[in-house]
Amino acid sequence: GSEREWPADLVVLSMGFVSPEAYISQELGLDLDQRSNIHAVYGDYRTSVEGVFAGGDCRRGQSLVVWAIHEGRGVAESCDAYLKQKREDEVAAGSSAAGGAFANLSSISPNI
């Protein structure tokens, strides 16, 4: 008697996983923790690769969705601060806007 049916146009399932896809961390050369999660310090979310950030389940492991949302916001703030600093550094050094902080993105595999 515990079953119920609720009409819905869309159902989103939020499910944890064992660990991040290994090919992503291998391709980017990211350090992993003892549980094979991407190593990034809580609050900063920077990984061992400059300009790459990690948060949520891929950083802390399977957890509550509220942690993933919280860390997603933290990662966004860290990325924003990183990119603003990169831009300030480029302007101060007299670098041209072409390329800059995003110049190395073409080296990342399109298979990711």
PDB file of N, CA and C in Angstrom:
ATOM      1  N   GLY A   1       0.769  -1.180   0.000  1.00  0.00           N
ATOM      2  CA  GLY A   1       0.000   0.000   0.000  1.00  0.00           C
ATOM      3  C   GLY A   1       0.830   1.274   0.000  1.00  0.00           C
ATOM      4  N   SER A   2       2.171   1.214  -0.176  1.00  0.00           N
ATOM      5  CA  SER A   2       2.974   2.439  -0.163  1.00  0.00           C
ATOM      6  C   SER A   2       3.175   3.024  -1.561  1.00  0.00           C
ATOM      7  N   GLU A   3       2.736   2.302  -2.602  1.00  0.00           N
ATOM      8  CA  GLU A   3       2.928   2.790  -3.960  1.00  0.00           C
ATOM      9  C   GLU A   3       1.939   3.906  -4.276  1.00  0.00           C
ATOM     10  N   ARG A   4       2.423   4.900  -5.030  1.00  0.00           N
ATOM     11  CA  ARG A   4       1.576   6.001  -5.479  1.00  0.00           C
ATOM     12  C   ARG A   4       1.996   6.381  -6.889  1.00  0.00           C
ATOM     13  N   GLU A   5       1.080   6.943  -7.621  1.00  0.00           N
ATOM     14  CA  GLU A   5       1.367   7.459  -8.956  1.00  0.00           C
ATOM     15  C   GLU A   5       1.084   8.940  -8.957  1.00  0.00           C
ATOM     16  N   TRP A   6       2.052   9.719  -9.470  1.00  0.00           N
ATOM     17  CA  TRP A   6       1.902  11.158  -9.589  1.00  0.00           C
ATOM     18  C   TRP A   6       2.107  11.534 -11.046  1.00  0.00           C
ATOM     19  N   PRO A   7       1.137  12.210 -11.633  1.00  0.00           N
ATOM     20  CA  PRO A   7       1.318  12.627 -13.032  1.00  0.00           C
ATOM     21  C   PRO A   7       2.466  13.641 -13.128  1.00  0.00           C
ATOM     22  N   ALA A   8       3.255  13.510 -14.173  1.00  0.00           N
ATOM     23  CA  ALA A   8       4.389  14.425 -14.357  1.00  0.00           C
ATOM     24  C   ALA A   8       4.720  14.537 -15.834  1.00  0.00           C
ATOM     25  N   ASP A   9       5.141  15.738 -16.240  1.00  0.00           N
ATOM     26  CA  ASP A   9       5.617  15.952 -17.604  1.00  0.00           C
ATOM     27  C   ASP A   9       7.099  15.635 -17.720  1.00  0.00           C
ATOM     28  N   LEU A  10       7.818  15.778 -16.603  1.00  0.00           N
ATOM     29  CA  LEU A  10       9.266  15.549 -16.593  1.00  0.00           C
ATOM     30  C   LEU A  10       9.675  15.028 -15.225  1.00  0.00           C
ATOM     31  N   VAL A  11      10.506  14.024 -15.218  1.00  0.00           N
ATOM     32  CA  VAL A  11      11.067  13.489 -13.978  1.00  0.00           C
ATOM     33  C   VAL A  11      12.578  13.513 -14.124  1.00  0.00           C
ATOM     34  N   VAL A  12      13.263  14.144 -13.181  1.00  0.00           N
ATOM     35  CA  VAL A  12      14.719  14.219 -13.204  1.00  0.00           C
ATOM     36  C   VAL A  12      15.248  13.345 -12.076  1.00  0.00           C
ATOM     37  N   LEU A  13      16.091  12.404 -12.419  1.00  0.00           N
ATOM     38  CA  LEU A  13      16.695  11.540 -11.421  1.00  0.00           C
ATOM     39  C   LEU A  13      18.068  12.078 -11.065  1.00  0.00           C
ATOM     40  N   SER A  14      18.339  12.184  -9.783  1.00  0.00           N
ATOM     41  CA  SER A  14      19.645  12.627  -9.316  1.00  0.00           C
ATOM     42  C   SER A  14      20.273  11.460  -8.586  1.00  0.00           C
ATOM     43  N   MET A  15      21.289  10.877  -9.219  1.00  0.00           N
ATOM     44  CA  MET A  15      21.901   9.680  -8.648  1.00  0.00           C
ATOM     45  C   MET A  15      23.401   9.863  -8.528  1.00  0.00           C
ATOM     46  N   GLY A  16      23.936   9.379  -7.451  1.00  0.00           N
ATOM     47  CA  GLY A  16      25.378   9.437  -7.254  1.00  0.00           C
ATOM     48  C   GLY A  16      26.089   8.413  -8.119  1.00  0.00           C
ATOM     49  N   PHE A  17      27.380   8.382  -8.012  1.00  0.00           N
ATOM     50  CA  PHE A  17      28.168   7.469  -8.813  1.00  0.00           C
ATOM     51  C   PHE A  17      29.382   7.038  -8.002  1.00  0.00           C
ATOM     52  N   VAL A  18      30.119   6.084  -8.507  1.00  0.00           N
ATOM     53  CA  VAL A  18      31.273   5.562  -7.786  1.00  0.00           C
ATOM     54  C   VAL A  18      32.427   6.553  -7.785  1.00  0.00           C
ATOM     55  N   SER A  19      32.780   7.069  -8.940  1.00  0.00           N
ATOM     56  CA  SER A  19      33.862   8.054  -9.042  1.00  0.00           C
ATOM     57  C   SER A  19      33.788   8.718 -10.417  1.00  0.00           C
ATOM     58  N   PRO A  20      34.501   9.822 -10.606  1.00  0.00           N
ATOM     59  CA  PRO A  20      34.483  10.487 -11.917  1.00  0.00           C
ATOM     60  C   PRO A  20      35.039   9.584 -13.017  1.00  0.00           C
ATOM     61  N   GLU A  21      34.652   9.877 -14.229  1.00  0.00           N
ATOM     62  CA  GLU A  21      35.166   9.126 -15.375  1.00  0.00           C
ATOM     63  C   GLU A  21      36.684   9.267 -15.432  1.00  0.00           C
ATOM     64  N   ALA A  22      37.379   8.156 -15.422  1.00  0.00           N
ATOM     65  CA  ALA A  22      38.844   8.157 -15.368  1.00  0.00           C
ATOM     66  C   ALA A  22      39.469   8.836 -16.579  1.00  0.00           C
ATOM     67  N   TYR A  23      38.846   8.710 -17.749  1.00  0.00           N
ATOM     68  CA  TYR A  23      39.465   9.275 -18.947  1.00  0.00           C
ATOM     69  C   TYR A  23      39.575  10.797 -18.873  1.00  0.00           C
ATOM     70  N   ILE A  24      38.671  11.448 -18.149  1.00  0.00           N
ATOM     71  CA  ILE A  24      38.736  12.906 -18.025  1.00  0.00           C
ATOM     72  C   ILE A  24      39.935  13.303 -17.180  1.00  0.00           C
ATOM     73  N   SER A  25      40.074  12.691 -16.024  1.00  0.00           N
ATOM     74  CA  SER A  25      41.200  13.040 -15.150  1.00  0.00           C
ATOM     75  C   SER A  25      42.530  12.635 -15.781  1.00  0.00           C
ATOM     76  N   GLN A  26      42.558  11.533 -16.512  1.00  0.00           N
ATOM     77  CA  GLN A  26      43.791  11.104 -17.179  1.00  0.00           C
ATOM     78  C   GLN A  26      44.156  12.057 -18.310  1.00  0.00           C
ATOM     79  N   GLU A  27      43.181  12.419 -19.125  1.00  0.00           N
ATOM     80  CA  GLU A  27      43.421  13.314 -20.263  1.00  0.00           C
ATOM     81  C   GLU A  27      43.968  14.658 -19.800  1.00  0.00           C
ATOM     82  N   LEU A  28      43.411  15.164 -18.691  1.00  0.00           N
ATOM     83  CA  LEU A  28      43.826  16.478 -18.197  1.00  0.00           C
ATOM     84  C   LEU A  28      44.996  16.398 -17.211  1.00  0.00           C
ATOM     85  N   GLY A  29      45.349  15.206 -16.782  1.00  0.00           N
ATOM     86  CA  GLY A  29      46.450  15.040 -15.830  1.00  0.00           C
ATOM     87  C   GLY A  29      46.104  15.517 -14.428  1.00  0.00           C
ATOM     88  N   LEU A  30      44.867  15.318 -14.013  1.00  0.00           N
ATOM     89  CA  LEU A  30      44.414  15.777 -12.704  1.00  0.00           C
ATOM     90  C   LEU A  30      44.826  14.815 -11.597  1.00  0.00           C
ATOM     91  N   ASP A  31      45.213  15.369 -10.448  1.00  0.00           N
ATOM     92  CA  ASP A  31      45.498  14.545  -9.281  1.00  0.00           C
ATOM     93  C   ASP A  31      44.186  14.030  -8.703  1.00  0.00           C
ATOM     94  N   LEU A  32      44.205  12.802  -8.204  1.00  0.00           N
ATOM     95  CA  LEU A  32      43.032  12.188  -7.588  1.00  0.00           C
ATOM     96  C   LEU A  32      43.292  11.946  -6.110  1.00  0.00           C
ATOM     97  N   ASP A  33      42.221  11.853  -5.335  1.00  0.00           N
ATOM     98  CA  ASP A  33      42.382  11.524  -3.918  1.00  0.00           C
ATOM     99  C   ASP A  33      42.366  10.004  -3.751  1.00  0.00           C
ATOM    100  N   GLN A  34      42.371   9.529  -2.504  1.00  0.00           N
ATOM    101  CA  GLN A  34      42.448   8.095  -2.231  1.00  0.00           C
ATOM    102  C   GLN A  34      41.191   7.347  -2.678  1.00  0.00           C
ATOM    103  N   ARG A  35      40.094   8.067  -2.949  1.00  0.00           N
ATOM    104  CA  ARG A  35      38.847   7.438  -3.402  1.00  0.00           C
ATOM    105  C   ARG A  35      38.617   7.634  -4.899  1.00  0.00           C
ATOM    106  N   SER A  36      39.637   8.066  -5.620  1.00  0.00           N
ATOM    107  CA  SER A  36      39.592   8.307  -7.070  1.00  0.00           C
ATOM    108  C   SER A  36      38.714   9.488  -7.464  1.00  0.00           C
ATOM    109  N   ASN A  37      38.477  10.403  -6.525  1.00  0.00           N
ATOM    110  CA  ASN A  37      37.793  11.655  -6.841  1.00  0.00           C
ATOM    111  C   ASN A  37      38.841  12.677  -7.248  1.00  0.00           C
ATOM    112  N   ILE A  38      38.417  13.679  -8.006  1.00  0.00           N
ATOM    113  CA  ILE A  38      39.346  14.731  -8.425  1.00  0.00           C
ATOM    114  C   ILE A  38      39.752  15.543  -7.200  1.00  0.00           C
ATOM    115  N   HIS A  39      41.053  15.689  -6.999  1.00  0.00           N
ATOM    116  CA  HIS A  39      41.550  16.425  -5.831  1.00  0.00           C
ATOM    117  C   HIS A  39      41.470  17.926  -6.080  1.00  0.00           C
ATOM    118  N   ALA A  40      40.684  18.593  -5.224  1.00  0.00           N
ATOM    119  CA  ALA A  40      40.567  20.050  -5.249  1.00  0.00           C
ATOM    120  C   ALA A  40      40.200  20.468  -3.827  1.00  0.00           C
ATOM    121  N   VAL A  41      40.833  21.485  -3.322  1.00  0.00           N
ATOM    122  CA  VAL A  41      40.618  21.920  -1.944  1.00  0.00           C
ATOM    123  C   VAL A  41      39.250  22.570  -1.802  1.00  0.00           C
ATOM    124  N   TYR A  42      38.497  22.172  -0.776  1.00  0.00           N
ATOM    125  CA  TYR A  42      37.183  22.748  -0.520  1.00  0.00           C
ATOM    126  C   TYR A  42      37.305  24.254  -0.295  1.00  0.00           C
ATOM    127  N   GLY A  43      36.428  25.000  -0.924  1.00  0.00           N
ATOM    128  CA  GLY A  43      36.430  26.448  -0.777  1.00  0.00           C
ATOM    129  C   GLY A  43      37.185  27.159  -1.873  1.00  0.00           C
ATOM    130  N   ASP A  44      38.168  26.500  -2.457  1.00  0.00           N
ATOM    131  CA  ASP A  44      38.958  27.066  -3.549  1.00  0.00           C
ATOM    132  C   ASP A  44      38.610  26.356  -4.857  1.00  0.00           C
ATOM    133  N   TYR A  45      38.466  25.039  -4.776  1.00  0.00           N
ATOM    134  CA  TYR A  45      38.042  24.172  -5.871  1.00  0.00           C
ATOM    135  C   TYR A  45      39.030  24.082  -7.021  1.00  0.00           C
ATOM    136  N   ARG A  46      40.242  24.630  -6.855  1.00  0.00           N
ATOM    137  CA  ARG A  46      41.257  24.490  -7.905  1.00  0.00           C
ATOM    138  C   ARG A  46      41.834  23.082  -7.858  1.00  0.00           C
ATOM    139  N   THR A  47      42.060  22.534  -9.034  1.00  0.00           N
ATOM    140  CA  THR A  47      42.676  21.214  -9.130  1.00  0.00           C
ATOM    141  C   THR A  47      44.185  21.386  -9.298  1.00  0.00           C
ATOM    142  N   SER A  48      44.862  20.306  -9.585  1.00  0.00           N
ATOM    143  CA  SER A  48      46.307  20.339  -9.788  1.00  0.00           C
ATOM    144  C   SER A  48      46.685  20.934 -11.145  1.00  0.00           C
ATOM    145  N   VAL A  49      45.702  21.215 -11.986  1.00  0.00           N
ATOM    146  CA  VAL A  49      45.945  21.790 -13.310  1.00  0.00           C
ATOM    147  C   VAL A  49      45.404  23.221 -13.313  1.00  0.00           C
ATOM    148  N   GLU A  50      46.260  24.158 -13.690  1.00  0.00           N
ATOM    149  CA  GLU A  50      45.848  25.562 -13.691  1.00  0.00           C
ATOM    150  C   GLU A  50      44.625  25.778 -14.582  1.00  0.00           C
ATOM    151  N   GLY A  51      43.644  26.491 -14.033  1.00  0.00           N
ATOM    152  CA  GLY A  51      42.449  26.820 -14.784  1.00  0.00           C
ATOM    153  C   GLY A  51      41.392  25.732 -14.804  1.00  0.00           C
ATOM    154  N   VAL A  52      41.624  24.634 -14.091  1.00  0.00           N
ATOM    155  CA  VAL A  52      40.637  23.550 -14.014  1.00  0.00           C
ATOM    156  C   VAL A  52      40.145  23.467 -12.576  1.00  0.00           C
ATOM    157  N   PHE A  53      38.830  23.485 -12.408  1.00  0.00           N
ATOM    158  CA  PHE A  53      38.197  23.474 -11.098  1.00  0.00           C
ATOM    159  C   PHE A  53      37.291  22.257 -10.990  1.00  0.00           C
ATOM    160  N   ALA A  54      37.059  21.786  -9.768  1.00  0.00           N
ATOM    161  CA  ALA A  54      36.174  20.639  -9.552  1.00  0.00           C
ATOM    162  C   ALA A  54      35.369  20.849  -8.289  1.00  0.00           C
ATOM    163  N   GLY A  55      34.116  20.422  -8.319  1.00  0.00           N
ATOM    164  CA  GLY A  55      33.256  20.515  -7.156  1.00  0.00           C
ATOM    165  C   GLY A  55      32.138  19.499  -7.255  1.00  0.00           C
ATOM    166  N   GLY A  56      31.402  19.345  -6.186  1.00  0.00           N
ATOM    167  CA  GLY A  56      30.296  18.395  -6.161  1.00  0.00           C
ATOM    168  C   GLY A  56      30.783  16.966  -6.058  1.00  0.00           C
ATOM    169  N   ASP A  57      30.013  16.045  -6.630  1.00  0.00           N
ATOM    170  CA  ASP A  57      30.323  14.619  -6.506  1.00  0.00           C
ATOM    171  C   ASP A  57      31.687  14.246  -7.060  1.00  0.00           C
ATOM    172  N   CYS A  58      32.160  14.903  -8.127  1.00  0.00           N
ATOM    173  CA  CYS A  58      33.461  14.521  -8.697  1.00  0.00           C
ATOM    174  C   CYS A  58      34.608  14.916  -7.765  1.00  0.00           C
ATOM    175  N   ARG A  59      34.375  15.847  -6.823  1.00  0.00           N
ATOM    176  CA  ARG A  59      35.400  16.258  -5.875  1.00  0.00           C
ATOM    177  C   ARG A  59      35.243  15.560  -4.525  1.00  0.00           C
ATOM    178  N   ARG A  60      34.039  15.488  -4.006  1.00  0.00           N
ATOM    179  CA  ARG A  60      33.830  14.971  -2.659  1.00  0.00           C
ATOM    180  C   ARG A  60      33.313  13.545  -2.633  1.00  0.00           C
ATOM    181  N   GLY A  61      32.882  13.038  -3.781  1.00  0.00           N
ATOM    182  CA  GLY A  61      32.272  11.713  -3.820  1.00  0.00           C
ATOM    183  C   GLY A  61      30.770  11.836  -3.691  1.00  0.00           C
ATOM    184  N   GLN A  62      30.103  10.706  -3.751  1.00  0.00           N
ATOM    185  CA  GLN A  62      28.653  10.691  -3.694  1.00  0.00           C
ATOM    186  C   GLN A  62      28.170  11.369  -2.415  1.00  0.00           C
ATOM    187  N   SER A  63      27.269  12.316  -2.560  1.00  0.00           N
ATOM    188  CA  SER A  63      26.788  13.076  -1.420  1.00  0.00           C
ATOM    189  C   SER A  63      25.406  13.631  -1.719  1.00  0.00           C
ATOM    190  N   LEU A  64      24.941  14.512  -0.856  1.00  0.00           N
ATOM    191  CA  LEU A  64      23.628  15.121  -1.023  1.00  0.00           C
ATOM    192  C   LEU A  64      23.649  16.160  -2.137  1.00  0.00           C
ATOM    193  N   VAL A  65      22.518  16.316  -2.820  1.00  0.00           N
ATOM    194  CA  VAL A  65      22.427  17.276  -3.915  1.00  0.00           C
ATOM    195  C   VAL A  65      22.652  18.704  -3.406  1.00  0.00           C
ATOM    196  N   VAL A  66      22.302  18.988  -2.158  1.00  0.00           N
ATOM    197  CA  VAL A  66      22.525  20.342  -1.645  1.00  0.00           C
ATOM    198  C   VAL A  66      24.017  20.664  -1.586  1.00  0.00           C
ATOM    199  N   TRP A  67      24.861  19.666  -1.335  1.00  0.00           N
ATOM    200  CA  TRP A  67      26.313  19.888  -1.361  1.00  0.00           C
ATOM    201  C   TRP A  67      26.773  20.173  -2.785  1.00  0.00           C
ATOM    202  N   ALA A  68      26.221  19.445  -3.747  1.00  0.00           N
ATOM    203  CA  ALA A  68      26.594  19.660  -5.146  1.00  0.00           C
ATOM    204  C   ALA A  68      26.203  21.073  -5.594  1.00  0.00           C
ATOM    205  N   ILE A  69      25.020  21.521  -5.197  1.00  0.00           N
ATOM    206  CA  ILE A  69      24.578  22.868  -5.544  1.00  0.00           C
ATOM    207  C   ILE A  69      25.484  23.905  -4.890  1.00  0.00           C
ATOM    208  N   HIS A  70      25.771  23.708  -3.614  1.00  0.00           N
ATOM    209  CA  HIS A  70      26.642  24.631  -2.878  1.00  0.00           C
ATOM    210  C   HIS A  70      28.024  24.699  -3.528  1.00  0.00           C
ATOM    211  N   GLU A  71      28.596  23.543  -3.818  1.00  0.00           N
ATOM    212  CA  GLU A  71      29.927  23.528  -4.420  1.00  0.00           C
ATOM    213  C   GLU A  71      29.903  24.060  -5.846  1.00  0.00           C
ATOM    214  N   GLY A  72      28.830  23.843  -6.582  1.00  0.00           N
ATOM    215  CA  GLY A  72      28.712  24.405  -7.924  1.00  0.00           C
ATOM    216  C   GLY A  72      28.777  25.919  -7.900  1.00  0.00           C
ATOM    217  N   ARG A  73      28.114  26.509  -6.915  1.00  0.00           N
ATOM    218  CA  ARG A  73      28.174  27.969  -6.759  1.00  0.00           C
ATOM    219  C   ARG A  73      29.586  28.410  -6.378  1.00  0.00           C
ATOM    220  N   GLY A  74      30.226  27.647  -5.498  1.00  0.00           N
ATOM    221  CA  GLY A  74      31.594  27.969  -5.089  1.00  0.00           C
ATOM    222  C   GLY A  74      32.570  27.871  -6.246  1.00  0.00           C
ATOM    223  N   VAL A  75      32.401  26.840  -7.076  1.00  0.00           N
ATOM    224  CA  VAL A  75      33.259  26.683  -8.257  1.00  0.00           C
ATOM    225  C   VAL A  75      33.062  27.863  -9.202  1.00  0.00           C
ATOM    226  N   ALA A  76      31.816  28.277  -9.400  1.00  0.00           N
ATOM    227  CA  ALA A  76      31.543  29.423 -10.277  1.00  0.00           C
ATOM    228  C   ALA A  76      32.233  30.676  -9.758  1.00  0.00           C
ATOM    229  N   GLU A  77      32.181  30.908  -8.457  1.00  0.00           N
ATOM    230  CA  GLU A  77      32.854  32.079  -7.872  1.00  0.00           C
ATOM    231  C   GLU A  77      34.364  31.984  -8.029  1.00  0.00           C
ATOM    232  N   SER A  78      34.924  30.804  -7.812  1.00  0.00           N
ATOM    233  CA  SER A  78      36.374  30.618  -7.962  1.00  0.00           C
ATOM    234  C   SER A  78      36.817  30.797  -9.409  1.00  0.00           C
ATOM    235  N   CYS A  79      36.039  30.262 -10.340  1.00  0.00           N
ATOM    236  CA  CYS A  79      36.354  30.439 -11.770  1.00  0.00           C
ATOM    237  C   CYS A  79      36.301  31.910 -12.153  1.00  0.00           C
ATOM    238  N   ASP A  80      35.280  32.608 -11.682  1.00  0.00           N
ATOM    239  CA  ASP A  80      35.140  34.032 -11.981  1.00  0.00           C
ATOM    240  C   ASP A  80      36.340  34.814 -11.452  1.00  0.00           C
ATOM    241  N   ALA A  81      36.717  34.549 -10.205  1.00  0.00           N
ATOM    242  CA  ALA A  81      37.872  35.244  -9.618  1.00  0.00           C
ATOM    243  C   ALA A  81      39.149  34.920 -10.386  1.00  0.00           C
ATOM    244  N   TYR A  82      39.326  33.666 -10.772  1.00  0.00           N
ATOM    245  CA  TYR A  82      40.505  33.239 -11.535  1.00  0.00           C
ATOM    246  C   TYR A  82      40.578  33.970 -12.872  1.00  0.00           C
ATOM    247  N   LEU A  83      39.465  33.997 -13.608  1.00  0.00           N
ATOM    248  CA  LEU A  83      39.463  34.633 -14.920  1.00  0.00           C
ATOM    249  C   LEU A  83      39.650  36.143 -14.829  1.00  0.00           C
ATOM    250  N   LYS A  84      39.065  36.767 -13.822  1.00  0.00           N
ATOM    251  CA  LYS A  84      39.277  38.205 -13.635  1.00  0.00           C
ATOM    252  C   LYS A  84      40.742  38.506 -13.351  1.00  0.00           C
ATOM    253  N   GLN A  85      41.372  37.665 -12.516  1.00  0.00           N
ATOM    254  CA  GLN A  85      42.794  37.870 -12.201  1.00  0.00           C
ATOM    255  C   GLN A  85      43.664  37.635 -13.432  1.00  0.00           C
ATOM    256  N   LYS A  86      43.343  36.606 -14.212  1.00  0.00           N
ATOM    257  CA  LYS A  86      44.098  36.346 -15.448  1.00  0.00           C
ATOM    258  C   LYS A  86      44.003  37.543 -16.391  1.00  0.00           C
ATOM    259  N   ARG A  87      42.814  38.107 -16.501  1.00  0.00           N
ATOM    260  CA  ARG A  87      42.628  39.261 -17.386  1.00  0.00           C
ATOM    261  C   ARG A  87      43.426  40.463 -16.879  1.00  0.00           C
ATOM    262  N   GLU A  88      43.370  40.717 -15.572  1.00  0.00           N
ATOM    263  CA  GLU A  88      44.146  41.816 -14.989  1.00  0.00           C
ATOM    264  C   GLU A  88      45.633  41.618 -15.231  1.00  0.00           C
ATOM    265  N   ASP A  89      46.111  40.390 -15.067  1.00  0.00           N
ATOM    266  CA  ASP A  89      47.527  40.091 -15.292  1.00  0.00           C
ATOM    267  C   ASP A  89      47.917  40.328 -16.746  1.00  0.00           C
ATOM    268  N   GLU A  90      47.044  39.930 -17.677  1.00  0.00           N
ATOM    269  CA  GLU A  90      47.321  40.125 -19.103  1.00  0.00           C
ATOM    270  C   GLU A  90      47.369  41.604 -19.458  1.00  0.00           C
ATOM    271  N   VAL A  91      46.427  42.368 -18.929  1.00  0.00           N
ATOM    272  CA  VAL A  91      46.391  43.807 -19.199  1.00  0.00           C
ATOM    273  C   VAL A  91      47.638  44.465 -18.627  1.00  0.00           C
ATOM    274  N   ALA A  92      48.002  44.092 -17.397  1.00  0.00           N
ATOM    275  CA  ALA A  92      49.183  44.667 -16.757  1.00  0.00           C
ATOM    276  C   ALA A  92      50.457  44.329 -17.523  1.00  0.00           C
ATOM    277  N   ALA A  93      50.499  43.142 -18.119  1.00  0.00           N
ATOM    278  CA  ALA A  93      51.683  42.719 -18.875  1.00  0.00           C
ATOM    279  C   ALA A  93      51.669  43.238 -20.311  1.00  0.00           C
ATOM    280  N   GLY A  94      50.560  43.866 -20.702  1.00  0.00           N
ATOM    281  CA  GLY A  94      50.460  44.393 -22.054  1.00  0.00           C
ATOM    282  C   GLY A  94      50.158  43.345 -23.096  1.00  0.00           C
ATOM    283  N   SER A  95      49.660  42.173 -22.670  1.00  0.00           N
ATOM    284  CA  SER A  95      49.308  41.120 -23.622  1.00  0.00           C
ATOM    285  C   SER A  95      48.109  41.527 -24.443  1.00  0.00           C
ATOM    286  N   SER A  96      48.038  41.011 -25.675  1.00  0.00           N
ATOM    287  CA  SER A  96      46.880  41.291 -26.518  1.00  0.00           C
ATOM    288  C   SER A  96      45.720  40.425 -26.067  1.00  0.00           C
ATOM    289  N   ALA A  97      44.527  40.830 -26.413  1.00  0.00           N
ATOM    290  CA  ALA A  97      43.327  40.082 -26.032  1.00  0.00           C
ATOM    291  C   ALA A  97      43.223  38.759 -26.787  1.00  0.00           C
ATOM    292  N   ALA A  98      43.880  38.623 -27.926  1.00  0.00           N
ATOM    293  CA  ALA A  98      43.805  37.390 -28.705  1.00  0.00           C
ATOM    294  C   ALA A  98      44.499  36.264 -27.951  1.00  0.00           C
ATOM    295  N   GLY A  99      43.776  35.209 -27.733  1.00  0.00           N
ATOM    296  CA  GLY A  99      44.348  34.060 -27.025  1.00  0.00           C
ATOM    297  C   GLY A  99      44.221  34.243 -25.543  1.00  0.00           C
ATOM    298  N   GLY A 100      45.224  34.791 -24.931  1.00  0.00           N
ATOM    299  CA  GLY A 100      45.197  35.061 -23.495  1.00  0.00           C
ATOM    300  C   GLY A 100      44.942  33.824 -22.667  1.00  0.00           C
ATOM    301  N   ALA A 101      44.098  33.971 -21.670  1.00  0.00           N
ATOM    302  CA  ALA A 101      43.806  32.886 -20.736  1.00  0.00           C
ATOM    303  C   ALA A 101      43.181  31.679 -21.430  1.00  0.00           C
ATOM    304  N   PHE A 102      42.611  31.877 -22.615  1.00  0.00           N
ATOM    305  CA  PHE A 102      41.937  30.789 -23.294  1.00  0.00           C
ATOM    306  C   PHE A 102      42.750  30.196 -24.436  1.00  0.00           C
ATOM    307  N   ALA A 103      43.981  30.618 -24.592  1.00  0.00           N
ATOM    308  CA  ALA A 103      44.793  30.184 -25.735  1.00  0.00           C
ATOM    309  C   ALA A 103      45.051  28.689 -25.730  1.00  0.00           C
ATOM    310  N   ASN A 104      45.147  28.048 -24.566  1.00  0.00           N
ATOM    311  CA  ASN A 104      45.505  26.641 -24.518  1.00  0.00           C
ATOM    312  C   ASN A 104      44.301  25.701 -24.629  1.00  0.00           C
ATOM    313  N   LEU A 105      43.091  26.217 -24.755  1.00  0.00           N
ATOM    314  CA  LEU A 105      41.914  25.344 -24.808  1.00  0.00           C
ATOM    315  C   LEU A 105      41.908  24.451 -26.026  1.00  0.00           C
ATOM    316  N   SER A 106      42.538  24.851 -27.108  1.00  0.00           N
ATOM    317  CA  SER A 106      42.542  24.018 -28.318  1.00  0.00           C
ATOM    318  C   SER A 106      43.366  22.752 -28.124  1.00  0.00           C
ATOM    319  N   SER A 107      44.185  22.684 -27.089  1.00  0.00           N
ATOM    320  CA  SER A 107      44.999  21.498 -26.862  1.00  0.00           C
ATOM    321  C   SER A 107      44.216  20.395 -26.144  1.00  0.00           C
ATOM    322  N   ILE A 108      43.043  20.733 -25.616  1.00  0.00           N
ATOM    323  CA  ILE A 108      42.235  19.727 -24.924  1.00  0.00           C
ATOM    324  C   ILE A 108      41.523  18.875 -25.956  1.00  0.00           C
ATOM    325  N   SER A 109      41.507  17.589 -25.703  1.00  0.00           N
ATOM    326  CA  SER A 109      40.908  16.641 -26.628  1.00  0.00           C
ATOM    327  C   SER A 109      39.435  16.932 -26.866  1.00  0.00           C
ATOM    328  N   PRO A 110      38.986  16.897 -28.098  1.00  0.00           N
ATOM    329  CA  PRO A 110      37.561  17.098 -28.385  1.00  0.00           C
ATOM    330  C   PRO A 110      36.721  15.909 -27.935  1.00  0.00           C
ATOM    331  N   ASN A 111      37.370  14.813 -27.509  1.00  0.00           N
ATOM    332  CA  ASN A 111      36.648  13.626 -27.066  1.00  0.00           C
ATOM    333  C   ASN A 111      36.130  13.743 -25.644  1.00  0.00           C
ATOM    334  N   ILE A 112      36.503  14.808 -24.940  1.00  0.00           N
ATOM    335  CA  ILE A 112      36.045  14.955 -23.556  1.00  0.00           C
ATOM    336  C   ILE A 112      34.642  15.501 -23.564  1.00  0.00           C
TER     337      ILE A 112
END
